[in-house]
């Protein structure tokens, strides 16, 4: 059934993308029978202008630290291997220092990869509290980290120096937090609470719960298990309304602005929408764990491009989860069941600023 859905989706998308002038036409990538080096993976494929380029993937601590030197091999001979691998990464966040944070609830930890310094570390507890199910991540403009723990029903924060900060969520306030997003300019922390079918709002400074958005339903501003969030450049909140099969956009004061998508097999539909992110041109990226791809839309909800597909090779996915886009338009995807994070680059159109 899943294969049939993928085939139908690809055929339908080919028709729509003919009239998508922003990204080009066919987005399916290289032909299936043609082996393309990972370094040359782009979408759409030549001769069309590429808009997405595959960069690399990270699966273990060795992917950052590089080849083992003599002393490390010597140490591991006595102590055993110190390589750490992801088990089931669910979300990603990157701070201004280039540190890549990966929430791995199956391992009960946050992996930290620092490419420039070739360093790896991890977090298993914050402020003396062991992480049980870290699932949501966010960073603010000061490079402070926020971690949503679904089992502890709280949001923990860490300063850029790794010191424990404020804890958000008193007993009874959150049922099972998932995706989180920070609006640094307004000093707000948004928390998706799927079982409550709403978005909780906390003050970053005081830690107090200041309000909530939504209730269960199918109308504008209503949700059915909202799970992932991101804040756009203008302060708009984009919400993956999971079981309604759509993306809702809310104004900075929480009022419905627009929505697009539905559950189904057709073009622009979703099978199992997960992470959502926004690039510097305002395009919305949605990870779909059912289609094993990333779909890209404009602000009006028009499908522009999709990339990926089912598999384990570079550029393919197996139930992707969270998506994060940094200030340089690098796209980080938590490729959950492939136990890795894949990194891509958004390429602006020729002649654009």
Protein backbone atom coordinates (compact mmCIF):
# COMPACT_ATOMS: atom_id res chain seq x y z
CA UNK A 1 0.00 0.00 0.00
CA UNK A 2 2.81 2.37 0.94
CA UNK A 3 4.56 1.74 -2.41
CA UNK A 4 1.31 2.42 -4.28
CA UNK A 5 0.87 5.70 -2.37
CA UNK A 6 4.39 6.78 -3.27
CA UNK A 7 3.84 5.98 -6.96
CA UNK A 8 0.55 7.89 -7.09
CA UNK A 9 2.10 10.83 -5.30
CA UNK A 10 5.06 11.02 -7.70
CA UNK A 11 2.81 10.85 -10.79
CA UNK A 12 0.49 13.54 -9.47
CA UNK A 13 3.30 15.80 -8.33
CA UNK A 14 4.86 15.74 -11.79
CA UNK A 15 1.72 17.41 -13.16
CA UNK A 16 1.55 20.13 -10.52
CA UNK A 17 5.23 21.02 -10.62
CA UNK A 18 4.97 21.94 -14.29
CA UNK A 19 3.17 25.08 -13.12
CA UNK A 20 5.41 25.74 -10.12
CA UNK A 21 7.66 28.52 -11.47
CA UNK A 22 9.62 29.05 -8.27
CA UNK A 23 11.42 25.73 -8.06
CA UNK A 24 11.05 24.22 -11.53
CA UNK A 25 9.37 21.10 -12.81
CA UNK A 26 10.26 17.47 -12.12
CA UNK A 27 11.53 17.06 -8.55
CA UNK A 28 11.94 13.33 -8.39
CA UNK A 29 15.74 13.42 -8.42
CA UNK A 30 18.05 11.17 -10.44
CA UNK A 31 16.60 8.19 -12.34
CA UNK A 32 16.31 5.08 -10.19
CA UNK A 33 18.58 3.09 -12.50
CA UNK A 34 21.34 5.69 -12.49
CA UNK A 35 23.81 5.73 -9.63
CA UNK A 36 24.68 9.31 -8.72
CA UNK A 37 27.55 10.20 -6.35
CA UNK A 38 26.19 11.55 -3.07
CA UNK A 39 28.14 14.80 -3.58
CA UNK A 40 26.15 15.44 -6.77
CA UNK A 41 22.67 14.75 -5.42
CA UNK A 42 20.44 17.70 -6.29
CA UNK A 43 16.72 18.34 -6.71
CA UNK A 44 15.35 18.90 -9.26
CA UNK A 45 17.85 16.95 -11.39
CA UNK A 46 19.77 18.39 -14.36
CA UNK A 47 19.21 20.08 -16.71
CA UNK A 48 16.85 21.99 -14.43
CA UNK A 49 18.29 24.55 -12.02
CA UNK A 50 19.02 22.78 -8.70
CA UNK A 51 17.29 24.12 -5.60
CA UNK A 52 18.26 21.49 -3.01
CA UNK A 53 21.69 19.88 -2.66
CA UNK A 54 22.64 16.95 -0.44
CA UNK A 55 25.61 17.76 1.81
CA UNK A 56 26.25 14.95 4.27
CA UNK A 57 24.79 12.77 7.00
CA UNK A 58 25.66 12.13 10.64
CA UNK A 59 24.99 8.81 12.33
CA UNK A 60 27.62 8.42 15.05
CA UNK A 61 30.12 10.44 17.06
CA UNK A 62 32.87 9.25 14.69
CA UNK A 63 31.21 11.09 11.81
CA UNK A 64 32.22 14.31 13.57
CA UNK A 65 35.48 13.31 15.25
CA UNK A 66 36.92 11.74 12.11
CA UNK A 67 39.36 8.85 11.88
CA UNK A 68 40.70 7.37 15.07
CA UNK A 69 44.28 8.35 15.88
CA UNK A 70 46.90 6.22 17.60
CA UNK A 71 46.14 7.39 21.14
CA UNK A 72 42.41 6.96 20.76
CA UNK A 73 42.91 3.44 19.43
CA UNK A 74 45.30 2.76 22.28
CA UNK A 75 42.75 4.02 24.83
CA UNK A 76 39.91 2.02 23.29
CA UNK A 77 42.05 -1.11 23.35
CA UNK A 78 41.80 -1.05 27.15
CA UNK A 79 38.49 0.74 27.72
CA UNK A 80 36.51 -0.43 24.71
CA UNK A 81 35.02 1.64 21.86
CA UNK A 82 33.67 5.06 22.82
CA UNK A 83 31.61 5.55 19.66
CA UNK A 84 28.03 6.64 20.25
CA UNK A 85 25.34 6.11 17.66
CA UNK A 86 21.85 7.48 17.35
CA UNK A 87 19.01 5.09 18.06
CA UNK A 88 15.96 7.01 16.86
CA UNK A 89 16.57 10.75 16.34
CA UNK A 90 13.34 12.73 16.39
CA UNK A 91 14.24 16.41 16.25
CA UNK A 92 17.17 18.70 15.45
CA UNK A 93 18.24 22.22 16.40
CA UNK A 94 21.38 24.17 15.53
CA UNK A 95 22.71 27.18 17.45
CA UNK A 96 24.73 30.15 16.27
CA UNK A 97 27.99 28.42 17.17
CA UNK A 98 27.29 25.56 14.78
CA UNK A 99 26.45 23.01 17.45
CA UNK A 100 23.97 20.44 16.17
CA UNK A 101 21.61 19.16 18.87
CA UNK A 102 19.70 15.95 18.20
CA UNK A 103 16.91 14.69 20.45
CA UNK A 104 17.02 10.89 20.69
CA UNK A 105 14.13 9.76 22.94
CA UNK A 106 14.90 6.07 22.43
CA UNK A 107 18.36 6.67 23.91
CA UNK A 108 17.09 9.13 26.51
CA UNK A 109 19.66 11.74 25.52
CA UNK A 110 20.57 14.77 23.46
CA UNK A 111 23.50 14.26 21.07
CA UNK A 112 25.69 17.31 20.44
CA UNK A 113 27.81 17.45 17.29
CA UNK A 114 30.22 20.34 16.74
CA UNK A 115 31.55 20.01 13.21
CA UNK A 116 34.07 22.86 13.26
CA UNK A 117 35.70 21.70 16.48
CA UNK A 118 35.26 18.02 15.56
CA UNK A 119 33.79 17.38 18.99
CA UNK A 120 30.96 15.21 20.24
CA UNK A 121 29.20 15.27 23.60
CA UNK A 122 25.81 14.33 24.98
CA UNK A 123 23.28 15.26 27.64
CA UNK A 124 21.45 12.65 29.70
CA UNK A 125 20.30 14.86 32.58
CA UNK A 126 19.56 18.55 33.15
CA UNK A 127 19.67 20.10 36.59
CA UNK A 128 19.98 16.68 38.21
CA UNK A 129 16.90 15.34 36.41
CA UNK A 130 17.46 12.42 34.07
CA UNK A 131 15.94 12.84 30.63
CA UNK A 132 13.26 10.23 30.01
CA UNK A 133 11.80 11.08 26.61
CA UNK A 134 13.49 14.13 25.08
CA UNK A 135 11.57 14.79 21.88
CA UNK A 136 11.35 18.52 21.12
CA UNK A 137 14.22 20.99 20.71
CA UNK A 138 14.56 24.73 20.15
CA UNK A 139 17.25 27.39 20.47
CA UNK A 140 16.80 31.12 21.03
CA UNK A 141 18.80 34.09 19.74
CA UNK A 142 21.16 33.82 22.72
CA UNK A 143 21.98 30.18 21.84
CA UNK A 144 20.14 28.87 24.89
CA UNK A 145 18.75 25.37 24.37
CA UNK A 146 15.23 24.19 25.22
CA UNK A 147 14.34 20.50 25.56
CA UNK A 148 10.80 19.10 25.74
CA UNK A 149 10.57 15.86 27.72
CA UNK A 150 7.31 14.09 26.93
CA UNK A 151 7.40 11.81 29.96
CA UNK A 152 8.49 14.41 32.51
CA UNK A 153 5.89 16.79 31.05
CA UNK A 154 8.30 19.70 31.26
CA UNK A 155 10.56 21.89 29.14
CA UNK A 156 14.14 22.22 30.37
CA UNK A 157 16.51 24.97 29.34
CA UNK A 158 20.29 25.14 29.19
CA UNK A 159 22.42 28.24 28.80
CA UNK A 160 24.93 28.46 25.97
CA UNK A 161 27.57 27.38 28.50
CA UNK A 162 25.60 24.27 29.38
CA UNK A 163 24.30 25.48 32.75
CA UNK A 164 20.75 24.48 33.78
CA UNK A 165 18.25 27.28 33.27
CA UNK A 166 14.56 27.71 33.84
CA UNK A 167 12.09 24.80 33.82
CA UNK A 168 8.71 25.32 32.11
CA UNK A 169 5.60 23.39 33.02
CA UNK A 170 4.26 22.89 36.53
CA UNK A 171 2.30 19.76 37.47
CA UNK A 172 -0.92 19.60 35.51
CA UNK A 173 0.01 22.23 32.93
CA UNK A 174 1.27 19.90 30.22
CA UNK A 175 -0.04 16.46 29.30
CA UNK A 176 2.72 15.28 26.93
CA UNK A 177 4.73 18.06 25.29
CA UNK A 178 6.21 17.42 21.85
CA UNK A 179 7.39 20.09 19.42
CA UNK A 180 8.50 23.47 20.76
CA UNK A 181 9.43 26.82 19.22
CA UNK A 182 10.88 30.06 20.59
CA UNK A 183 9.92 33.61 19.66
CA UNK A 184 12.94 35.46 21.06
CA UNK A 185 11.68 38.93 20.11
CA UNK A 186 8.44 38.52 22.02
CA UNK A 187 9.97 36.40 24.77
CA UNK A 188 7.65 33.45 24.24
CA UNK A 189 8.00 29.68 24.29
CA UNK A 190 5.37 27.75 22.34
CA UNK A 191 4.74 24.12 23.28
CA UNK A 192 2.67 21.67 21.24
CA UNK A 193 0.65 19.47 23.61
CA UNK A 194 -0.87 16.75 21.37
CA UNK A 195 -3.21 15.03 23.88
CA UNK A 196 -4.61 18.42 24.90
CA UNK A 197 -5.01 19.43 21.23
CA UNK A 198 -3.60 22.88 21.86
CA UNK A 199 -0.48 25.05 21.94
CA UNK A 200 0.66 26.26 25.36
CA UNK A 201 2.42 29.64 25.65
CA UNK A 202 5.04 30.33 28.33
CA UNK A 203 6.96 33.46 29.18
CA UNK A 204 10.67 32.86 28.58
CA UNK A 205 11.65 35.22 31.38
CA UNK A 206 9.26 34.20 34.15
CA UNK A 207 8.52 30.61 33.11
CA UNK A 208 4.81 31.23 33.70
CA UNK A 209 2.09 29.74 31.54
CA UNK A 210 0.48 32.81 29.95
CA UNK A 211 -2.13 31.21 27.71
CA UNK A 212 -3.01 28.58 25.16
CA UNK A 213 -4.16 28.43 21.55
CA UNK A 214 -6.79 26.12 20.14
CA UNK A 215 -8.96 23.18 21.09
CA UNK A 216 -9.89 19.90 19.44
CA UNK A 217 -11.63 20.29 16.12
CA UNK A 218 -11.29 20.76 12.38
CA UNK A 219 -12.00 24.47 12.13
CA UNK A 220 -9.51 27.29 11.75
CA UNK A 221 -7.37 27.54 14.88
CA UNK A 222 -8.53 24.10 16.07
CA UNK A 223 -6.26 21.07 16.21
CA UNK A 224 -6.21 17.29 16.23
CA UNK A 225 -2.96 16.26 17.90
CA UNK A 226 -0.69 19.19 16.96
CA UNK A 227 2.88 17.93 17.19
CA UNK A 228 5.52 20.17 15.56
CA UNK A 229 6.08 23.92 15.51
CA UNK A 230 8.26 26.61 14.01
CA UNK A 231 8.27 30.42 14.14
CA UNK A 232 8.76 32.35 10.90
CA UNK A 233 10.71 35.55 10.33
CA UNK A 234 7.61 37.69 10.89
CA UNK A 235 6.66 35.96 14.13
CA UNK A 236 4.01 33.75 12.58
CA UNK A 237 3.61 30.33 14.16
CA UNK A 238 3.44 27.33 11.81
CA UNK A 239 1.85 24.20 13.30
CA UNK A 240 1.78 20.62 12.04
CA UNK A 241 -1.84 19.72 12.78
CA UNK A 242 -1.02 16.02 12.53
CA UNK A 243 -4.28 14.11 12.48
CA UNK A 244 -6.05 16.86 10.54
CA UNK A 245 -3.33 16.37 7.93
CA UNK A 246 -2.56 20.03 7.48
CA UNK A 247 -0.23 22.90 8.31
CA UNK A 248 -1.84 25.83 10.07
CA UNK A 249 -0.29 29.29 10.24
CA UNK A 250 -1.19 31.58 13.14
CA UNK A 251 -0.41 35.25 13.60
CA UNK A 252 1.94 36.39 16.36
CA UNK A 253 -1.12 36.92 18.58
CA UNK A 254 -2.40 33.39 17.94
CA UNK A 255 -5.14 34.10 15.39
CA UNK A 256 -5.61 31.78 12.39
CA UNK A 257 -4.05 33.12 9.19
CA UNK A 258 -4.11 30.24 6.75
CA UNK A 259 -3.86 26.48 6.39
CA UNK A 260 -3.13 23.96 3.66
CA UNK A 261 -3.01 20.22 3.16
CA UNK A 262 -5.16 17.22 3.90
CA UNK A 263 -4.67 13.52 4.53
CA UNK A 264 -4.55 11.57 1.29
CA UNK A 265 -2.50 10.35 -1.66
CA UNK A 266 -2.90 13.32 -3.99
CA UNK A 267 -0.55 16.17 -4.76
CA UNK A 268 -0.08 18.46 -1.79
CA UNK A 269 -1.66 15.92 0.54
CA UNK A 270 0.02 14.37 3.56
CA UNK A 271 0.30 10.80 4.78
CA UNK A 272 1.92 11.43 8.16
CA UNK A 273 3.17 15.04 8.49
CA UNK A 274 5.88 15.64 11.08
CA UNK A 275 8.48 18.40 11.33
CA UNK A 276 8.01 21.84 9.80
CA UNK A 277 10.59 24.56 9.09
CA UNK A 278 10.96 27.80 7.11
CA UNK A 279 13.85 28.91 4.88
CA UNK A 280 15.09 32.48 4.34
CA UNK A 281 12.68 32.96 1.43
CA UNK A 282 9.67 31.92 3.47
CA UNK A 283 9.17 28.48 1.94
CA UNK A 284 7.68 25.88 4.27
CA UNK A 285 9.32 22.45 4.52
CA UNK A 286 7.25 19.56 5.88
CA UNK A 287 8.66 16.10 6.66
CA UNK A 288 6.21 13.35 5.78
CA UNK A 289 6.95 10.05 7.54
CA UNK A 290 4.42 8.24 5.38
CA UNK A 291 5.80 9.34 2.01
CA UNK A 292 9.41 9.35 3.33
CA UNK A 293 10.09 12.75 1.81
CA UNK A 294 10.30 16.47 2.43
CA UNK A 295 7.65 18.59 0.74
CA UNK A 296 8.25 22.28 0.08
CA UNK A 297 5.40 24.80 -0.17
CA UNK A 298 5.06 28.53 -0.68
CA UNK A 299 3.20 30.71 1.81
CA UNK A 300 -0.07 30.10 -0.05
CA UNK A 301 0.29 26.34 0.34
CA UNK A 302 1.28 25.56 -3.25
CA UNK A 303 3.56 22.55 -3.59
CA UNK A 304 6.84 23.69 -5.16
CA UNK A 305 9.10 20.70 -4.84
CA UNK A 306 9.65 17.54 -2.89
CA UNK A 307 12.78 15.49 -2.37
CA UNK A 308 13.62 12.14 -0.88
CA UNK A 309 11.84 8.81 -1.08
CA UNK A 310 11.98 5.51 0.77
CA UNK A 311 15.40 3.97 1.30
CA UNK A 312 18.70 4.08 3.13
CA UNK A 313 20.95 5.69 0.50
CA UNK A 314 21.94 9.36 0.79
CA UNK A 315 18.97 11.60 0.10
CA UNK A 316 16.41 8.91 0.95
CA UNK A 317 14.47 8.59 4.20
CA UNK A 318 12.83 6.11 6.51
CA UNK A 319 10.12 7.86 8.54
CA UNK A 320 11.72 11.32 8.87
CA UNK A 321 10.74 13.38 11.92
CA UNK A 322 11.92 16.87 12.79
CA UNK A 323 13.28 19.45 10.33
CA UNK A 324 15.46 22.46 11.14
CA UNK A 325 16.82 25.20 8.85
CA UNK A 326 19.73 27.33 10.07
CA UNK A 327 20.69 30.89 9.18
CA UNK A 328 22.66 29.71 6.14
CA UNK A 329 19.69 27.76 4.74
CA UNK A 330 21.15 24.39 5.62
CA UNK A 331 18.36 21.87 6.11
CA UNK A 332 18.72 19.27 8.86
CA UNK A 333 16.38 16.27 8.81
CA UNK A 334 16.02 13.73 11.62
CA UNK A 335 15.93 10.57 9.51
CA UNK A 336 14.52 8.60 12.42
CA UNK A 337 14.47 4.97 11.38
CA UNK A 338 17.71 5.31 9.41
CA UNK A 339 19.28 6.46 12.69
CA UNK A 340 20.89 9.55 11.23
CA UNK A 341 20.57 13.24 10.52
CA UNK A 342 20.83 14.23 6.87
CA UNK A 343 21.95 17.72 5.90
CA UNK A 344 20.97 19.54 2.71
CA UNK A 345 21.44 23.03 1.29
CA UNK A 346 18.71 25.26 -0.06
CA UNK A 347 20.01 26.97 -3.21
CA UNK A 348 18.48 30.33 -4.06
CA UNK A 349 17.37 30.96 -7.62
CA UNK A 350 19.94 32.54 -9.89
CA UNK A 351 19.72 36.32 -9.76
CA UNK A 352 17.91 36.39 -6.40
CA UNK A 353 19.42 38.41 -3.51
